[in-house]
Protein backbone atom coordinates (compact mmCIF):
# COMPACT_ATOMS: atom_id res chain seq x y z
CA MET A 1 -14.63 -3.39 -23.95
CA ASP A 2 -18.24 -4.33 -23.30
CA LYS A 3 -17.86 -7.48 -25.41
CA PHE A 4 -14.74 -8.45 -23.46
CA LEU A 5 -16.51 -7.96 -20.14
CA GLU A 6 -19.52 -9.95 -21.30
CA THR A 7 -17.25 -12.81 -22.38
CA TYR A 8 -15.17 -13.07 -19.21
CA ASN A 9 -17.69 -12.00 -16.56
CA PRO A 10 -15.23 -10.46 -14.08
CA LEU A 11 -15.87 -10.56 -10.35
CA ARG A 12 -17.49 -7.47 -8.89
CA LEU A 13 -16.57 -5.76 -5.65
CA SER A 14 -19.26 -5.10 -3.10
CA HIS A 15 -20.04 -1.55 -2.01
CA LYS A 16 -18.32 -2.26 1.33
CA GLU A 17 -15.16 -3.52 -0.41
CA ILE A 18 -15.05 -0.43 -2.63
CA GLU A 19 -15.41 1.86 0.39
CA ASN A 20 -12.61 -0.01 2.15
CA LEU A 21 -10.26 0.39 -0.83
CA ASN A 22 -11.05 4.10 -1.10
CA ARG A 23 -10.52 4.98 2.56
CA PRO A 24 -7.39 6.83 3.67
CA ILE A 25 -4.38 4.74 4.67
CA THR A 26 -3.72 5.05 8.38
CA SER A 27 -0.43 5.68 10.16
CA LYS A 28 -0.89 2.31 11.91
CA GLU A 29 -0.96 0.52 8.55
CA THR A 30 2.07 2.46 7.30
CA LYS A 31 4.04 1.68 10.48
CA SER A 32 3.17 -2.00 10.12
CA VAL A 33 4.42 -2.11 6.52
CA ILE A 34 7.68 -0.34 7.43
CA LYS A 35 8.20 -2.69 10.38
CA ASN A 36 7.76 -5.75 8.15
CA LEU A 37 10.03 -4.64 5.29
CA PRO A 38 12.97 -6.99 4.66
CA THR A 39 15.91 -5.35 6.43
CA LYS A 40 18.81 -6.51 4.28
CA SER A 41 17.38 -6.56 0.77
CA SER A 42 16.42 -3.52 -1.25
CA VAL A 43 12.80 -2.61 -1.77
CA ILE A 44 11.63 -1.26 -5.12
CA ASP A 45 13.37 2.12 -4.73
CA GLY A 46 16.77 0.57 -3.95
CA PHE A 47 16.85 1.35 -0.23
CA PRO A 48 16.90 -1.52 2.27
CA GLY A 49 14.05 -1.85 4.75
CA ASN A 50 16.26 -0.92 7.70
CA PHE A 51 16.75 2.52 6.09
CA TYR A 52 13.00 3.14 6.35
CA GLN A 53 12.89 1.59 9.82
CA THR A 54 15.70 3.87 11.03
CA PHE A 55 14.06 7.03 9.68
CA LYS A 56 10.43 5.99 10.28
CA LYS A 57 9.57 9.17 12.23
CA GLU A 58 10.87 11.36 9.43
CA PHE A 59 9.15 9.36 6.69
CA MET A 60 5.73 8.92 8.29
CA PRO A 61 4.32 12.42 7.51
CA ILE A 62 5.63 12.21 3.94
CA LEU A 63 4.26 8.73 3.31
CA LEU A 64 0.85 9.54 4.77
CA LYS A 65 0.54 12.56 2.45
CA LEU A 66 1.73 10.49 -0.48
CA PHE A 67 -0.73 7.67 0.09
């Protein structure tokens, strides 16, 4: 692994970027994602976006715990 990393010299994240990635996901971010889901096509779990938009209030506590 060390030899691979020496050969390809991957980019490194700054301390600030790492902290940002490790912070909790907010309800505002989750609401924004649900709002912007495609309404007619299925997302990865097979449910269309309007399903999540319709039941947003019910899903929010579950999604925030999950994330």
